[in-house]
Amino acid sequence: MAEKKLGSDKPKSYLPLGHIDSIENKEPKEGEPPRWARVRLQQEDGSEATFLLTFEELKNGLVRAETNKEDLPPEGWLQKLQDLFD
């Protein structure tokens, strides 16, 4: 499988829900990466939050989703329709 590019090197001041961009770790502590994947998501309770993850964590999650499809709920017709517009 070809490696998918995650994030962007042009961070936005406003990150839309469900989007990922790459931001500089301005004060990295020992063991931290030079860049973070910034992800803005809506949580189960409806609140929105911004997450800083390593790109390795995102890649591991991508691999898990691809190799453990049985753990994911089936996509309904509404999700498939929304995917056409995204």
N, C-alpha and C. Protein backbone atom coordinates (compact mmCIF):
# COMPACT_ATOMS: atom_id res chain seq x y z
N MET A 1 0.85 -1.18 0.00
CA MET A 1 0.00 0.00 0.00
C MET A 1 0.89 1.23 0.00
N ALA A 2 0.60 2.14 -0.87
CA ALA A 2 1.36 3.39 -0.91
C ALA A 2 1.08 4.19 0.35
N GLU A 3 2.10 4.83 0.88
CA GLU A 3 1.94 5.61 2.10
C GLU A 3 1.13 6.87 1.80
N LYS A 4 0.11 7.08 2.62
CA LYS A 4 -0.73 8.26 2.45
C LYS A 4 -0.10 9.42 3.20
N LYS A 5 -0.15 10.60 2.60
CA LYS A 5 0.38 11.79 3.24
C LYS A 5 -0.64 12.30 4.25
N LEU A 6 -0.19 12.53 5.45
CA LEU A 6 -1.06 13.03 6.50
C LEU A 6 -0.69 14.46 6.82
N GLY A 7 -1.69 15.31 6.93
CA GLY A 7 -1.44 16.67 7.36
C GLY A 7 -1.03 17.59 6.23
N SER A 8 -0.68 18.79 6.63
CA SER A 8 -0.31 19.84 5.69
C SER A 8 0.78 20.67 6.34
N ASP A 9 1.66 21.25 5.55
CA ASP A 9 2.70 22.12 6.11
C ASP A 9 2.26 23.57 6.16
N LYS A 10 1.00 23.83 5.86
CA LYS A 10 0.47 25.19 5.90
C LYS A 10 -0.68 25.23 6.91
N PRO A 11 -0.36 25.36 8.21
CA PRO A 11 -1.43 25.35 9.21
C PRO A 11 -2.37 26.52 9.04
N LYS A 12 -3.63 26.25 9.30
CA LYS A 12 -4.67 27.27 9.18
C LYS A 12 -4.96 27.84 10.56
N SER A 13 -5.40 29.09 10.62
CA SER A 13 -5.78 29.65 11.91
C SER A 13 -7.07 28.98 12.39
N TYR A 14 -7.94 28.58 11.46
CA TYR A 14 -9.16 27.86 11.79
C TYR A 14 -9.10 26.50 11.13
N LEU A 15 -9.24 25.45 11.92
CA LEU A 15 -9.20 24.10 11.38
C LEU A 15 -10.62 23.53 11.42
N PRO A 16 -11.21 23.20 10.26
CA PRO A 16 -12.57 22.66 10.25
C PRO A 16 -12.63 21.29 10.94
N LEU A 17 -13.81 20.95 11.44
CA LEU A 17 -14.00 19.64 12.07
C LEU A 17 -13.57 18.53 11.14
N GLY A 18 -12.88 17.54 11.68
CA GLY A 18 -12.48 16.37 10.92
C GLY A 18 -11.26 16.56 10.04
N HIS A 19 -10.62 17.71 10.12
CA HIS A 19 -9.45 17.97 9.29
C HIS A 19 -8.17 17.83 10.12
N ILE A 20 -7.07 17.59 9.40
CA ILE A 20 -5.75 17.43 10.01
C ILE A 20 -4.82 18.43 9.36
N ASP A 21 -3.99 19.08 10.16
CA ASP A 21 -2.88 19.81 9.59
C ASP A 21 -1.65 19.60 10.47
N SER A 22 -0.55 20.08 10.01
CA SER A 22 0.72 19.88 10.69
C SER A 22 1.19 21.21 11.25
N ILE A 23 1.51 21.21 12.55
CA ILE A 23 1.98 22.44 13.17
C ILE A 23 3.33 22.19 13.84
N GLU A 24 4.10 23.25 13.93
CA GLU A 24 5.42 23.18 14.54
C GLU A 24 5.30 23.03 16.06
N ASN A 25 6.11 22.17 16.64
CA ASN A 25 6.21 22.04 18.09
C ASN A 25 7.22 23.10 18.53
N LYS A 26 6.71 24.24 18.96
CA LYS A 26 7.56 25.40 19.21
C LYS A 26 8.48 25.25 20.41
N GLU A 27 8.09 24.46 21.40
CA GLU A 27 8.93 24.22 22.57
C GLU A 27 8.99 22.73 22.85
N PRO A 28 9.64 21.95 21.96
CA PRO A 28 9.64 20.50 22.14
C PRO A 28 10.37 20.07 23.41
N LYS A 29 9.73 19.16 24.10
CA LYS A 29 10.36 18.54 25.27
C LYS A 29 11.05 17.27 24.80
N GLU A 30 11.90 16.74 25.61
CA GLU A 30 12.67 15.55 25.23
C GLU A 30 11.73 14.42 24.79
N GLY A 31 12.03 13.87 23.64
CA GLY A 31 11.25 12.77 23.10
C GLY A 31 10.05 13.19 22.26
N GLU A 32 9.74 14.47 22.20
CA GLU A 32 8.61 14.93 21.41
C GLU A 32 9.05 15.21 19.97
N PRO A 33 8.10 15.09 19.04
CA PRO A 33 8.44 15.33 17.63
C PRO A 33 8.57 16.82 17.33
N PRO A 34 9.23 17.16 16.23
CA PRO A 34 9.35 18.56 15.84
C PRO A 34 8.04 19.14 15.31
N ARG A 35 7.11 18.26 14.89
CA ARG A 35 5.82 18.71 14.37
C ARG A 35 4.71 17.84 14.97
N TRP A 36 3.55 18.45 15.18
CA TRP A 36 2.37 17.74 15.67
C TRP A 36 1.33 17.67 14.56
N ALA A 37 0.55 16.62 14.60
CA ALA A 37 -0.66 16.54 13.78
C ALA A 37 -1.76 17.15 14.64
N ARG A 38 -2.33 18.23 14.15
CA ARG A 38 -3.44 18.89 14.85
C ARG A 38 -4.74 18.41 14.22
N VAL A 39 -5.62 17.86 15.05
CA VAL A 39 -6.87 17.28 14.58
C VAL A 39 -8.01 17.91 15.37
N ARG A 40 -9.03 18.36 14.69
CA ARG A 40 -10.20 18.93 15.37
C ARG A 40 -11.37 17.99 15.16
N LEU A 41 -11.93 17.50 16.29
CA LEU A 41 -12.99 16.50 16.23
C LEU A 41 -14.16 16.87 17.11
N GLN A 42 -15.30 16.31 16.78
CA GLN A 42 -16.47 16.45 17.64
C GLN A 42 -16.56 15.19 18.48
N GLN A 43 -16.64 15.37 19.79
CA GLN A 43 -16.70 14.24 20.71
C GLN A 43 -18.14 13.73 20.83
N GLU A 44 -18.30 12.58 21.48
CA GLU A 44 -19.62 11.95 21.59
C GLU A 44 -20.66 12.84 22.24
N ASP A 45 -20.23 13.70 23.17
CA ASP A 45 -21.18 14.58 23.85
C ASP A 45 -21.51 15.83 23.04
N GLY A 46 -20.95 15.94 21.83
CA GLY A 46 -21.24 17.07 20.96
C GLY A 46 -20.24 18.21 21.07
N SER A 47 -19.39 18.18 22.09
CA SER A 47 -18.39 19.24 22.22
C SER A 47 -17.27 19.03 21.20
N GLU A 48 -16.62 20.11 20.87
CA GLU A 48 -15.51 20.05 19.91
C GLU A 48 -14.20 20.21 20.65
N ALA A 49 -13.17 19.53 20.17
CA ALA A 49 -11.87 19.60 20.81
C ALA A 49 -10.77 19.49 19.77
N THR A 50 -9.63 20.07 20.09
CA THR A 50 -8.45 19.97 19.24
C THR A 50 -7.47 19.01 19.91
N PHE A 51 -6.93 18.09 19.12
CA PHE A 51 -6.01 17.08 19.62
C PHE A 51 -4.66 17.26 18.94
N LEU A 52 -3.59 17.10 19.68
CA LEU A 52 -2.24 17.07 19.13
C LEU A 52 -1.74 15.64 19.24
N LEU A 53 -1.45 15.04 18.10
CA LEU A 53 -1.00 13.66 18.03
C LEU A 53 0.28 13.61 17.22
N THR A 54 1.05 12.56 17.41
CA THR A 54 2.20 12.35 16.53
C THR A 54 1.67 11.76 15.23
N PHE A 55 2.41 11.95 14.17
CA PHE A 55 2.00 11.36 12.90
C PHE A 55 2.11 9.84 12.96
N GLU A 56 2.98 9.34 13.82
CA GLU A 56 3.08 7.89 14.01
C GLU A 56 1.79 7.34 14.63
N GLU A 57 1.22 8.07 15.60
CA GLU A 57 -0.05 7.65 16.20
C GLU A 57 -1.17 7.63 15.16
N LEU A 58 -1.20 8.63 14.30
CA LEU A 58 -2.21 8.66 13.24
C LEU A 58 -2.02 7.50 12.26
N LYS A 59 -0.79 7.25 11.88
CA LYS A 59 -0.52 6.15 10.95
C LYS A 59 -0.91 4.81 11.57
N ASN A 60 -0.61 4.62 12.86
CA ASN A 60 -0.99 3.38 13.54
C ASN A 60 -2.51 3.21 13.55
N GLY A 61 -3.23 4.32 13.81
CA GLY A 61 -4.69 4.27 13.78
C GLY A 61 -5.23 3.95 12.40
N LEU A 62 -4.60 4.48 11.37
CA LEU A 62 -5.00 4.21 10.00
C LEU A 62 -4.82 2.72 9.68
N VAL A 63 -3.69 2.16 10.09
CA VAL A 63 -3.43 0.73 9.87
C VAL A 63 -4.44 -0.11 10.64
N ARG A 64 -4.73 0.26 11.91
CA ARG A 64 -5.72 -0.49 12.69
C ARG A 64 -7.09 -0.48 12.02
N ALA A 65 -7.50 0.68 11.51
CA ALA A 65 -8.80 0.77 10.85
C ALA A 65 -8.84 -0.08 9.58
N GLU A 66 -7.72 -0.18 8.89
CA GLU A 66 -7.67 -0.99 7.66
C GLU A 66 -7.62 -2.49 7.96
N THR A 67 -6.96 -2.87 9.05
CA THR A 67 -6.76 -4.31 9.33
C THR A 67 -7.79 -4.87 10.30
N ASN A 68 -8.57 -4.02 10.95
CA ASN A 68 -9.58 -4.49 11.91
C ASN A 68 -10.96 -3.96 11.52
N LYS A 69 -11.30 -4.10 10.27
CA LYS A 69 -12.58 -3.57 9.78
C LYS A 69 -13.77 -4.16 10.52
N GLU A 70 -13.61 -5.36 11.07
CA GLU A 70 -14.72 -6.00 11.79
C GLU A 70 -15.11 -5.22 13.06
N ASP A 71 -14.21 -4.38 13.55
CA ASP A 71 -14.49 -3.59 14.75
C ASP A 71 -15.23 -2.29 14.45
N LEU A 72 -15.28 -1.90 13.19
CA LEU A 72 -15.93 -0.66 12.80
C LEU A 72 -17.41 -0.92 12.49
N PRO A 73 -18.29 0.01 12.88
CA PRO A 73 -19.69 -0.18 12.50
C PRO A 73 -19.85 -0.02 11.00
N PRO A 74 -20.83 -0.71 10.43
CA PRO A 74 -21.03 -0.59 8.97
C PRO A 74 -21.47 0.83 8.62
N GLU A 75 -21.02 1.29 7.47
CA GLU A 75 -21.41 2.62 6.99
C GLU A 75 -22.84 2.55 6.47
N GLY A 76 -23.66 3.45 6.92
CA GLY A 76 -25.03 3.52 6.44
C GLY A 76 -25.10 4.33 5.15
N TRP A 77 -26.27 4.34 4.53
CA TRP A 77 -26.44 5.06 3.26
C TRP A 77 -26.26 6.55 3.44
N LEU A 78 -26.60 7.09 4.62
CA LEU A 78 -26.44 8.52 4.86
C LEU A 78 -24.95 8.90 4.87
N GLN A 79 -24.11 8.06 5.48
CA GLN A 79 -22.67 8.32 5.50
C GLN A 79 -22.10 8.27 4.08
N LYS A 80 -22.53 7.29 3.32
CA LYS A 80 -22.04 7.17 1.94
C LYS A 80 -22.44 8.39 1.11
N LEU A 81 -23.67 8.89 1.34
CA LEU A 81 -24.12 10.09 0.64
C LEU A 81 -23.29 11.30 1.06
N GLN A 82 -23.01 11.43 2.37
CA GLN A 82 -22.20 12.55 2.86
C GLN A 82 -20.79 12.49 2.26
N ASP A 83 -20.23 11.29 2.13
CA ASP A 83 -18.89 11.13 1.56
C ASP A 83 -18.82 11.67 0.13
N LEU A 84 -19.93 11.59 -0.60
CA LEU A 84 -19.95 12.12 -1.97
C LEU A 84 -19.77 13.64 -1.98
N PHE A 85 -20.23 14.32 -0.93
CA PHE A 85 -20.14 15.77 -0.87
C PHE A 85 -18.86 16.29 -0.22
N ASP A 86 -18.16 15.43 0.52
CA ASP A 86 -16.90 15.84 1.19
C ASP A 86 -15.72 15.83 0.28
